[in-house]
Amino acid sequence: KDSVGIIAKVCTYLAEKNINILDISQTIVGGFFNMMM
């Protein structure tokens, strides 16, 4: 379910673990959040 800060929290977690994001796609449909990285 979509909420404020999902992307920020996931990206912060990955950065803390030294995991680099190469590509990202996200969408919100009918109030539901979907992201693939």
Full PDB file with SEQRES, HELIX, SHEET, SSBOND, CRYST1, ORIGX, SCALE, CONECT and MASTER records, all heavy atoms in Angstrom:
SEQRES   1 A   37  LYS ASP SER VAL GLY ILE ILE ALA LYS VAL CYS THR TYR          
SEQRES   2 A   37  LEU ALA GLU LYS ASN ILE ASN ILE LEU ASP ILE SER GLN          
SEQRES   3 A   37  THR ILE VAL GLY GLY PHE PHE ASN MET MET MET                  
HELIX    1 AA1 ILE A    6  GLU A   16  1                                  11    
SHEET    1 AA1 2 SER A  25  VAL A  29  0                                        
SHEET    2 AA1 2 PHE A  32  MET A  36 -1                                        
CRYST1    1.000    1.000    1.000  90.00  90.00  90.00 P 1           1          
ORIGX1      1.000000  0.000000  0.000000        0.00000                         
ORIGX2      0.000000  1.000000  0.000000        0.00000                         
ORIGX3      0.000000  0.000000  1.000000        0.00000                         
SCALE1      1.000000  0.000000  0.000000        0.00000                         
SCALE2      0.000000  1.000000  0.000000        0.00000                         
SCALE3      0.000000  0.000000  1.000000        0.00000                         
ATOM      1  N   LYS A   1       0.854  -1.171   0.000  1.00  0.00           N  
ATOM      2  CA  LYS A   1       0.000   0.000   0.000  1.00  0.00           C  
ATOM      3  C   LYS A   1       0.899   1.232   0.000  1.00  0.00           C  
ATOM      4  O   LYS A   1       1.880   1.301   0.726  1.00  0.00           O  
ATOM      5  CB  LYS A   1      -0.893  -0.012   1.234  1.00  0.00           C  
ATOM      6  CG  LYS A   1      -1.966   1.018   1.208  1.00  0.00           C  
ATOM      7  CD  LYS A   1      -3.301   0.371   1.528  1.00  0.00           C  
ATOM      8  CE  LYS A   1      -4.406   1.391   1.586  1.00  0.00           C  
ATOM      9  NZ  LYS A   1      -4.970   1.674   0.301  1.00  0.00           N  
ATOM     10  N   ASP A   2       0.573   2.206  -0.829  1.00  0.00           N  
ATOM     11  CA  ASP A   2       1.403   3.394  -0.957  1.00  0.00           C  
ATOM     12  C   ASP A   2       1.410   4.207   0.333  1.00  0.00           C  
ATOM     13  O   ASP A   2       0.381   4.330   1.002  1.00  0.00           O  
ATOM     14  CB  ASP A   2       0.905   4.259  -2.110  1.00  0.00           C  
ATOM     15  CG  ASP A   2       1.843   5.408  -2.414  1.00  0.00           C  
ATOM     16  OD1 ASP A   2       3.072   5.222  -2.266  1.00  0.00           O  
ATOM     17  OD2 ASP A   2       1.360   6.496  -2.787  1.00  0.00           O  
ATOM     18  N   SER A   3       2.597   4.704   0.677  1.00  0.00           N  
ATOM     19  CA  SER A   3       2.745   5.606   1.816  1.00  0.00           C  
ATOM     20  C   SER A   3       3.977   6.473   1.586  1.00  0.00           C  
ATOM     21  O   SER A   3       4.837   6.158   0.753  1.00  0.00           O  
ATOM     22  CB  SER A   3       2.860   4.835   3.130  1.00  0.00           C  
ATOM     23  OG  SER A   3       4.036   4.055   3.141  1.00  0.00           O  
ATOM     24  N   VAL A   4       4.062   7.543   2.326  1.00  0.00           N  
ATOM     25  CA  VAL A   4       5.176   8.476   2.193  1.00  0.00           C  
ATOM     26  C   VAL A   4       6.472   7.814   2.652  1.00  0.00           C  
ATOM     27  O   VAL A   4       6.514   7.173   3.706  1.00  0.00           O  
ATOM     28  CB  VAL A   4       4.909   9.749   3.038  1.00  0.00           C  
ATOM     29  CG1 VAL A   4       6.121  10.657   3.033  1.00  0.00           C  
ATOM     30  CG2 VAL A   4       3.680  10.468   2.520  1.00  0.00           C  
ATOM     31  N   GLY A   5       7.527   7.944   1.857  1.00  0.00           N  
ATOM     32  CA  GLY A   5       8.868   7.545   2.270  1.00  0.00           C  
ATOM     33  C   GLY A   5       9.324   6.153   1.909  1.00  0.00           C  
ATOM     34  O   GLY A   5      10.424   5.759   2.293  1.00  0.00           O  
ATOM     35  N   ILE A   6       8.531   5.397   1.169  1.00  0.00           N  
ATOM     36  CA  ILE A   6       8.943   4.026   0.828  1.00  0.00           C  
ATOM     37  C   ILE A   6      10.257   4.036   0.059  1.00  0.00           C  
ATOM     38  O   ILE A   6      11.204   3.331   0.418  1.00  0.00           O  
ATOM     39  CB  ILE A   6       7.855   3.289   0.015  1.00  0.00           C  
ATOM     40  CG1 ILE A   6       6.606   3.074   0.860  1.00  0.00           C  
ATOM     41  CG2 ILE A   6       8.391   1.942  -0.500  1.00  0.00           C  
ATOM     42  CD1 ILE A   6       5.418   2.506   0.082  1.00  0.00           C  
ATOM     43  N   ILE A   7      10.326   4.819  -1.000  1.00  0.00           N  
ATOM     44  CA  ILE A   7      11.538   4.850  -1.820  1.00  0.00           C  
ATOM     45  C   ILE A   7      12.718   5.330  -0.991  1.00  0.00           C  
ATOM     46  O   ILE A   7      13.811   4.748  -1.047  1.00  0.00           O  
ATOM     47  CB  ILE A   7      11.349   5.728  -3.069  1.00  0.00           C  
ATOM     48  CG1 ILE A   7      10.276   5.136  -3.971  1.00  0.00           C  
ATOM     49  CG2 ILE A   7      12.664   5.883  -3.839  1.00  0.00           C  
ATOM     50  CD1 ILE A   7       9.865   6.025  -5.126  1.00  0.00           C  
ATOM     51  N   ALA A   8      12.520   6.371  -0.209  1.00  0.00           N  
ATOM     52  CA  ALA A   8      13.606   6.919   0.614  1.00  0.00           C  
ATOM     53  C   ALA A   8      14.141   5.875   1.589  1.00  0.00           C  
ATOM     54  O   ALA A   8      15.365   5.729   1.743  1.00  0.00           O  
ATOM     55  CB  ALA A   8      13.122   8.149   1.369  1.00  0.00           C  
ATOM     56  N   LYS A   9      13.255   5.139   2.239  1.00  0.00           N  
ATOM     57  CA  LYS A   9      13.692   4.144   3.221  1.00  0.00           C  
ATOM     58  C   LYS A   9      14.437   2.988   2.559  1.00  0.00           C  
ATOM     59  O   LYS A   9      15.451   2.518   3.071  1.00  0.00           O  
ATOM     60  CB  LYS A   9      12.500   3.651   4.028  1.00  0.00           C  
ATOM     61  CG  LYS A   9      11.968   4.723   4.961  1.00  0.00           C  
ATOM     62  CD  LYS A   9      10.689   4.294   5.644  1.00  0.00           C  
ATOM     63  CE  LYS A   9      10.144   5.454   6.466  1.00  0.00           C  
ATOM     64  NZ  LYS A   9       8.801   5.184   6.954  1.00  0.00           N  
ATOM     65  N   VAL A  10      13.937   2.533   1.426  1.00  0.00           N  
ATOM     66  CA  VAL A  10      14.607   1.436   0.721  1.00  0.00           C  
ATOM     67  C   VAL A  10      15.982   1.890   0.221  1.00  0.00           C  
ATOM     68  O   VAL A  10      16.981   1.197   0.414  1.00  0.00           O  
ATOM     69  CB  VAL A  10      13.734   0.897  -0.440  1.00  0.00           C  
ATOM     70  CG1 VAL A  10      14.512  -0.107  -1.281  1.00  0.00           C  
ATOM     71  CG2 VAL A  10      12.454   0.268   0.101  1.00  0.00           C  
ATOM     72  N   CYS A  11      16.045   3.059  -0.392  1.00  0.00           N  
ATOM     73  CA  CYS A  11      17.314   3.559  -0.925  1.00  0.00           C  
ATOM     74  C   CYS A  11      18.328   3.827   0.186  1.00  0.00           C  
ATOM     75  O   CYS A  11      19.518   3.536   0.034  1.00  0.00           O  
ATOM     76  CB  CYS A  11      17.089   4.816  -1.759  1.00  0.00           C  
ATOM     77  SG  CYS A  11      16.205   4.472  -3.302  1.00  0.00           S  
ATOM     78  N   THR A  12      17.867   4.359   1.306  1.00  0.00           N  
ATOM     79  CA  THR A  12      18.759   4.598   2.445  1.00  0.00           C  
ATOM     80  C   THR A  12      19.315   3.283   2.969  1.00  0.00           C  
ATOM     81  O   THR A  12      20.514   3.161   3.235  1.00  0.00           O  
ATOM     82  CB  THR A  12      18.021   5.348   3.569  1.00  0.00           C  
ATOM     83  OG1 THR A  12      17.601   6.609   3.069  1.00  0.00           O  
ATOM     84  CG2 THR A  12      18.903   5.539   4.788  1.00  0.00           C  
ATOM     85  N   TYR A  13      18.462   2.277   3.100  1.00  0.00           N  
ATOM     86  CA  TYR A  13      18.907   0.962   3.562  1.00  0.00           C  
ATOM     87  C   TYR A  13      19.983   0.396   2.635  1.00  0.00           C  
ATOM     88  O   TYR A  13      21.022  -0.085   3.094  1.00  0.00           O  
ATOM     89  CB  TYR A  13      17.721  -0.006   3.646  1.00  0.00           C  
ATOM     90  CG  TYR A  13      18.128  -1.395   4.036  1.00  0.00           C  
ATOM     91  CD1 TYR A  13      18.304  -1.739   5.362  1.00  0.00           C  
ATOM     92  CD2 TYR A  13      18.375  -2.366   3.066  1.00  0.00           C  
ATOM     93  CE1 TYR A  13      18.706  -3.011   5.725  1.00  0.00           C  
ATOM     94  CE2 TYR A  13      18.776  -3.640   3.415  1.00  0.00           C  
ATOM     95  CZ  TYR A  13      18.940  -3.957   4.750  1.00  0.00           C  
ATOM     96  OH  TYR A  13      19.352  -5.223   5.094  1.00  0.00           O  
ATOM     97  N   LEU A  14      19.734   0.463   1.331  1.00  0.00           N  
ATOM     98  CA  LEU A  14      20.697  -0.080   0.370  1.00  0.00           C  
ATOM     99  C   LEU A  14      22.024   0.680   0.433  1.00  0.00           C  
ATOM    100  O   LEU A  14      23.099   0.069   0.390  1.00  0.00           O  
ATOM    101  CB  LEU A  14      20.109  -0.045  -1.042  1.00  0.00           C  
ATOM    102  CG  LEU A  14      18.885  -0.927  -1.266  1.00  0.00           C  
ATOM    103  CD1 LEU A  14      18.321  -0.712  -2.663  1.00  0.00           C  
ATOM    104  CD2 LEU A  14      19.195  -2.393  -1.013  1.00  0.00           C  
ATOM    105  N   ALA A  15      21.968   1.986   0.549  1.00  0.00           N  
ATOM    106  CA  ALA A  15      23.195   2.788   0.636  1.00  0.00           C  
ATOM    107  C   ALA A  15      23.996   2.412   1.877  1.00  0.00           C  
ATOM    108  O   ALA A  15      25.222   2.307   1.825  1.00  0.00           O  
ATOM    109  CB  ALA A  15      22.858   4.272   0.650  1.00  0.00           C  
ATOM    110  N   GLU A  16      23.316   2.197   2.998  1.00  0.00           N  
ATOM    111  CA  GLU A  16      24.003   1.801   4.233  1.00  0.00           C  
ATOM    112  C   GLU A  16      24.697   0.456   4.093  1.00  0.00           C  
ATOM    113  O   GLU A  16      25.694   0.195   4.763  1.00  0.00           O  
ATOM    114  CB  GLU A  16      22.999   1.745   5.390  1.00  0.00           C  
ATOM    115  CG  GLU A  16      22.506   3.099   5.825  1.00  0.00           C  
ATOM    116  CD  GLU A  16      21.343   3.024   6.813  1.00  0.00           C  
ATOM    117  OE1 GLU A  16      20.806   1.910   7.057  1.00  0.00           O  
ATOM    118  OE2 GLU A  16      20.950   4.092   7.321  1.00  0.00           O  
ATOM    119  N   LYS A  17      24.187  -0.402   3.230  1.00  0.00           N  
ATOM    120  CA  LYS A  17      24.771  -1.733   3.002  1.00  0.00           C  
ATOM    121  C   LYS A  17      25.757  -1.747   1.834  1.00  0.00           C  
ATOM    122  O   LYS A  17      26.236  -2.806   1.442  1.00  0.00           O  
ATOM    123  CB  LYS A  17      23.661  -2.761   2.751  1.00  0.00           C  
ATOM    124  CG  LYS A  17      22.643  -2.852   3.852  1.00  0.00           C  
ATOM    125  CD  LYS A  17      23.285  -3.232   5.165  1.00  0.00           C  
ATOM    126  CE  LYS A  17      22.236  -3.336   6.253  1.00  0.00           C  
ATOM    127  NZ  LYS A  17      22.805  -3.396   7.583  1.00  0.00           N  
ATOM    128  N   ASN A  18      26.030  -0.577   1.261  1.00  0.00           N  
ATOM    129  CA  ASN A  18      26.966  -0.456   0.139  1.00  0.00           C  
ATOM    130  C   ASN A  18      26.465  -1.202  -1.104  1.00  0.00           C  
ATOM    131  O   ASN A  18      27.247  -1.802  -1.845  1.00  0.00           O  
ATOM    132  CB  ASN A  18      28.371  -0.915   0.540  1.00  0.00           C  
ATOM    133  CG  ASN A  18      29.442  -0.235  -0.265  1.00  0.00           C  
ATOM    134  OD1 ASN A  18      29.226   0.829  -0.833  1.00  0.00           O  
ATOM    135  ND2 ASN A  18      30.605  -0.845  -0.334  1.00  0.00           N  
ATOM    136  N   ILE A  19      25.146  -1.175  -1.304  1.00  0.00           N  
ATOM    137  CA  ILE A  19      24.518  -1.789  -2.468  1.00  0.00           C  
ATOM    138  C   ILE A  19      24.122  -0.667  -3.419  1.00  0.00           C  
ATOM    139  O   ILE A  19      23.355   0.224  -3.045  1.00  0.00           O  
ATOM    140  CB  ILE A  19      23.295  -2.633  -2.051  1.00  0.00           C  
ATOM    141  CG1 ILE A  19      23.744  -3.792  -1.154  1.00  0.00           C  
ATOM    142  CG2 ILE A  19      22.545  -3.136  -3.277  1.00  0.00           C  
ATOM    143  CD1 ILE A  19      22.609  -4.578  -0.538  1.00  0.00           C  
ATOM    144  N   ASN A  20      24.640  -0.707  -4.623  1.00  0.00           N  
ATOM    145  CA  ASN A  20      24.423   0.350  -5.602  1.00  0.00           C  
ATOM    146  C   ASN A  20      23.200   0.061  -6.468  1.00  0.00           C  
ATOM    147  O   ASN A  20      23.038  -1.046  -6.990  1.00  0.00           O  
ATOM    148  CB  ASN A  20      25.656   0.506  -6.496  1.00  0.00           C  
ATOM    149  CG  ASN A  20      25.566   1.710  -7.388  1.00  0.00           C  
ATOM    150  OD1 ASN A  20      25.074   2.759  -6.988  1.00  0.00           O  
ATOM    151  ND2 ASN A  20      26.045   1.569  -8.616  1.00  0.00           N  
ATOM    152  N   ILE A  21      22.344   1.059  -6.633  1.00  0.00           N  
ATOM    153  CA  ILE A  21      21.170   0.938  -7.496  1.00  0.00           C  
ATOM    154  C   ILE A  21      21.591   1.249  -8.930  1.00  0.00           C  
ATOM    155  O   ILE A  21      22.107   2.321  -9.207  1.00  0.00           O  
ATOM    156  CB  ILE A  21      20.055   1.900  -7.047  1.00  0.00           C  
ATOM    157  CG1 ILE A  21      19.618   1.568  -5.624  1.00  0.00           C  
ATOM    158  CG2 ILE A  21      18.880   1.839  -8.017  1.00  0.00           C  
ATOM    159  CD1 ILE A  21      18.771   2.634  -4.978  1.00  0.00           C  
ATOM    160  N   LEU A  22      21.365   0.287  -9.831  1.00  0.00           N  
ATOM    161  CA  LEU A  22      21.726   0.454 -11.232  1.00  0.00           C  
ATOM    162  C   LEU A  22      20.546   0.939 -12.067  1.00  0.00           C  
ATOM    163  O   LEU A  22      20.720   1.699 -13.015  1.00  0.00           O  
ATOM    164  CB  LEU A  22      22.247  -0.870 -11.797  1.00  0.00           C  
ATOM    165  CG  LEU A  22      23.452  -1.466 -11.074  1.00  0.00           C  
ATOM    166  CD1 LEU A  22      23.743  -2.864 -11.622  1.00  0.00           C  
ATOM    167  CD2 LEU A  22      24.654  -0.561 -11.196  1.00  0.00           C  
ATOM    168  N   ASP A  23      19.353   0.478 -11.724  1.00  0.00           N  
ATOM    169  CA  ASP A  23      18.144   0.856 -12.469  1.00  0.00           C  
ATOM    170  C   ASP A  23      16.966   0.737 -11.519  1.00  0.00           C  
ATOM    171  O   ASP A  23      16.956  -0.113 -10.628  1.00  0.00           O  
ATOM    172  CB  ASP A  23      17.964  -0.062 -13.672  1.00  0.00           C  
ATOM    173  CG  ASP A  23      17.040   0.507 -14.736  1.00  0.00           C  
ATOM    174  OD1 ASP A  23      16.503   1.622 -14.533  1.00  0.00           O  
ATOM    175  OD2 ASP A  23      16.851  -0.157 -15.760  1.00  0.00           O  
ATOM    176  N   ILE A  24      15.974   1.593 -11.723  1.00  0.00           N  
ATOM    177  CA  ILE A  24      14.811   1.590 -10.837  1.00  0.00           C  
ATOM    178  C   ILE A  24      13.574   1.991 -11.636  1.00  0.00           C  
ATOM    179  O   ILE A  24      13.637   2.858 -12.501  1.00  0.00           O  
ATOM    180  CB  ILE A  24      15.038   2.550  -9.640  1.00  0.00           C  
ATOM    181  CG1 ILE A  24      13.876   2.500  -8.656  1.00  0.00           C  
ATOM    182  CG2 ILE A  24      15.296   3.951 -10.116  1.00  0.00           C  
ATOM    183  CD1 ILE A  24      14.166   3.261  -7.359  1.00  0.00           C  
ATOM    184  N   SER A  25      12.476   1.309 -11.333  1.00  0.00           N  
ATOM    185  CA  SER A  25      11.190   1.630 -11.947  1.00  0.00           C  
ATOM    186  C   SER A  25      10.136   1.510 -10.856  1.00  0.00           C  
ATOM    187  O   SER A  25      10.139   0.545 -10.088  1.00  0.00           O  
ATOM    188  CB  SER A  25      10.887   0.649 -13.074  1.00  0.00           C  
ATOM    189  OG  SER A  25       9.587   0.847 -13.566  1.00  0.00           O  
ATOM    190  N   GLN A  26       9.249   2.490 -10.778  1.00  0.00           N  
ATOM    191  CA  GLN A  26       8.196   2.413  -9.781  1.00  0.00           C  
ATOM    192  C   GLN A  26       6.909   2.993 -10.341  1.00  0.00           C  
ATOM    193  O   GLN A  26       6.928   3.829 -11.222  1.00  0.00           O  
ATOM    194  CB  GLN A  26       8.607   3.111  -8.490  1.00  0.00           C  
ATOM    195  CG  GLN A  26       8.800   4.611  -8.575  1.00  0.00           C  
ATOM    196  CD  GLN A  26       7.525   5.401  -8.300  1.00  0.00           C  
ATOM    197  OE1 GLN A  26       6.648   4.951  -7.574  1.00  0.00           O  
ATOM    198  NE2 GLN A  26       7.417   6.565  -8.894  1.00  0.00           N  
ATOM    199  N   THR A  27       5.813   2.477  -9.804  1.00  0.00           N  
ATOM    200  CA  THR A  27       4.501   2.960 -10.217  1.00  0.00           C  
ATOM    201  C   THR A  27       3.532   2.824  -9.058  1.00  0.00           C  
ATOM    202  O   THR A  27       3.753   2.025  -8.147  1.00  0.00           O  
ATOM    203  CB  THR A  27       3.981   2.190 -11.454  1.00  0.00           C  
ATOM    204  OG1 THR A  27       2.809   2.816 -11.928  1.00  0.00           O  
ATOM    205  CG2 THR A  27       3.709   0.747 -11.150  1.00  0.00           C  
ATOM    206  N   ILE A  28       2.481   3.609  -9.099  1.00  0.00           N  
ATOM    207  CA  ILE A  28       1.409   3.517  -8.120  1.00  0.00           C  
ATOM    208  C   ILE A  28       0.119   3.323  -8.906  1.00  0.00           C  
ATOM    209  O   ILE A  28      -0.213   4.116  -9.781  1.00  0.00           O  
ATOM    210  CB  ILE A  28       1.334   4.782  -7.255  1.00  0.00           C  
ATOM    211  CG1 ILE A  28       2.644   4.970  -6.507  1.00  0.00           C  
ATOM    212  CG2 ILE A  28       0.151   4.699  -6.285  1.00  0.00           C  
ATOM    213  CD1 ILE A  28       2.805   6.325  -5.864  1.00  0.00           C  
ATOM    214  N   VAL A  29      -0.592   2.257  -8.595  1.00  0.00           N  
ATOM    215  CA  VAL A  29      -1.843   1.942  -9.283  1.00  0.00           C  
ATOM    216  C   VAL A  29      -2.904   1.692  -8.219  1.00  0.00           C  
ATOM    217  O   VAL A  29      -2.747   0.792  -7.386  1.00  0.00           O  
ATOM    218  CB  VAL A  29      -1.689   0.691 -10.181  1.00  0.00           C  
ATOM    219  CG1 VAL A  29      -3.011   0.329 -10.830  1.00  0.00           C  
ATOM    220  CG2 VAL A  29      -0.613   0.895 -11.224  1.00  0.00           C  
ATOM    221  N   GLY A  30      -3.942   2.516  -8.244  1.00  0.00           N  
ATOM    222  CA  GLY A  30      -5.047   2.321  -7.312  1.00  0.00           C  
ATOM    223  C   GLY A  30      -4.627   2.348  -5.860  1.00  0.00           C  
ATOM    224  O   GLY A  30      -5.186   1.613  -5.044  1.00  0.00           O  
ATOM    225  N   GLY A  31      -3.633   3.149  -5.533  1.00  0.00           N  
ATOM    226  CA  GLY A  31      -3.169   3.251  -4.151  1.00  0.00           C  
ATOM    227  C   GLY A  31      -2.158   2.198  -3.745  1.00  0.00           C  
ATOM    228  O   GLY A  31      -1.714   2.159  -2.592  1.00  0.00           O  
ATOM    229  N   PHE A  32      -1.762   1.337  -4.682  1.00  0.00           N  
ATOM    230  CA  PHE A  32      -0.762   0.316  -4.389  1.00  0.00           C  
ATOM    231  C   PHE A  32       0.556   0.662  -5.073  1.00  0.00           C  
ATOM    232  O   PHE A  32       0.591   1.023  -6.249  1.00  0.00           O  
ATOM    233  CB  PHE A  32      -1.246  -1.068  -4.823  1.00  0.00           C  
ATOM    234  CG  PHE A  32      -2.353  -1.571  -3.954  1.00  0.00           C  
ATOM    235  CD1 PHE A  32      -3.673  -1.379  -4.312  1.00  0.00           C  
ATOM    236  CD2 PHE A  32      -2.074  -2.203  -2.755  1.00  0.00           C  
ATOM    237  CE1 PHE A  32      -4.707  -1.811  -3.518  1.00  0.00           C  
ATOM    238  CE2 PHE A  32      -3.095  -2.643  -1.935  1.00  0.00           C  
ATOM    239  CZ  PHE A  32      -4.414  -2.446  -2.313  1.00  0.00           C  
ATOM    240  N   PHE A  33       1.630   0.530  -4.316  1.00  0.00           N  
ATOM    241  CA  PHE A  33       2.975   0.875  -4.749  1.00  0.00           C  
ATOM    242  C   PHE A  33       3.672  -0.369  -5.271  1.00  0.00           C  
ATOM    243  O   PHE A  33       3.587  -1.440  -4.671  1.00  0.00           O  
ATOM    244  CB  PHE A  33       3.749   1.444  -3.550  1.00  0.00           C  
ATOM    245  CG  PHE A  33       5.168   1.803  -3.851  1.00  0.00           C  
ATOM    246  CD1 PHE A  33       5.481   3.039  -4.393  1.00  0.00           C  
ATOM    247  CD2 PHE A  33       6.202   0.924  -3.580  1.00  0.00           C  
ATOM    248  CE1 PHE A  33       6.788   3.388  -4.659  1.00  0.00           C  
ATOM    249  CE2 PHE A  33       7.517   1.259  -3.848  1.00  0.00           C  
ATOM    250  CZ  PHE A  33       7.801   2.490  -4.384  1.00  0.00           C  
ATOM    251  N   ASN A  34       4.380  -0.219  -6.400  1.00  0.00           N  
ATOM    252  CA  ASN A  34       5.145  -1.313  -6.978  1.00  0.00           C  
ATOM    253  C   ASN A  34       6.473  -0.759  -7.479  1.00  0.00           C  
ATOM    254  O   ASN A  34       6.488   0.196  -8.254  1.00  0.00           O  
ATOM    255  CB  ASN A  34       4.368  -1.960  -8.125  1.00  0.00           C  
ATOM    256  CG  ASN A  34       5.066  -3.166  -8.701  1.00  0.00           C  
ATOM    257  OD1 ASN A  34       5.874  -3.799  -8.039  1.00  0.00           O  
ATOM    258  ND2 ASN A  34       4.747  -3.489  -9.933  1.00  0.00           N  
ATOM    259  N   MET A  35       7.578  -1.344  -7.026  1.00  0.00           N  
ATOM    260  CA  MET A  35       8.899  -0.886  -7.459  1.00  0.00           C  
ATOM    261  C   MET A  35       9.772  -2.095  -7.774  1.00  0.00           C  
ATOM    262  O   MET A  35       9.720  -3.113  -7.089  1.00  0.00           O  
ATOM    263  CB  MET A  35       9.557  -0.048  -6.362  1.00  0.00           C  
ATOM    264  CG  MET A  35      10.956   0.446  -6.719  1.00  0.00           C  
ATOM    265  SD  MET A  35      11.592   1.722  -5.591  1.00  0.00           S  
ATOM    266  CE  MET A  35      11.669   0.857  -4.034  1.00  0.00           C  
ATOM    267  N   MET A  36      10.554  -1.942  -8.817  1.00  0.00           N  
ATOM    268  CA  MET A  36      11.532  -2.968  -9.202  1.00  0.00           C  
ATOM    269  C   MET A  36      12.873  -2.275  -9.374  1.00  0.00           C  
ATOM    270  O   MET A  36      12.960  -1.219 -10.003  1.00  0.00           O  
ATOM    271  CB  MET A  36      11.112  -3.635 -10.510  1.00  0.00           C  
ATOM    272  CG  MET A  36      12.015  -4.715 -10.971  1.00  0.00           C  
ATOM    273  SD  MET A  36      11.288  -5.506 -12.426  1.00  0.00           S  
ATOM    274  CE  MET A  36      12.530  -6.705 -12.762  1.00  0.00           C  
ATOM    275  N   MET A  37      13.895  -2.867  -8.795  1.00  0.00           N  
ATOM    276  CA  MET A  37      15.240  -2.287  -8.856  1.00  0.00           C  
ATOM    277  C   MET A  37      16.234  -3.355  -9.310  1.00  0.00           C  
ATOM    278  O   MET A  37      16.113  -4.517  -8.923  1.00  0.00           O  
ATOM    279  CB  MET A  37      15.682  -1.793  -7.477  1.00  0.00           C  
ATOM    280  CG  MET A  37      14.709  -0.887  -6.797  1.00  0.00           C  
ATOM    281  SD  MET A  37      15.144  -0.622  -5.070  1.00  0.00           S  
ATOM    282  CE  MET A  37      16.096   0.860  -5.253  1.00  0.00           C  
TER     283      MET A  37                                                      
MASTER        0    0    0    1    2    0    0    6  282    1    0    3          
END                                                                             
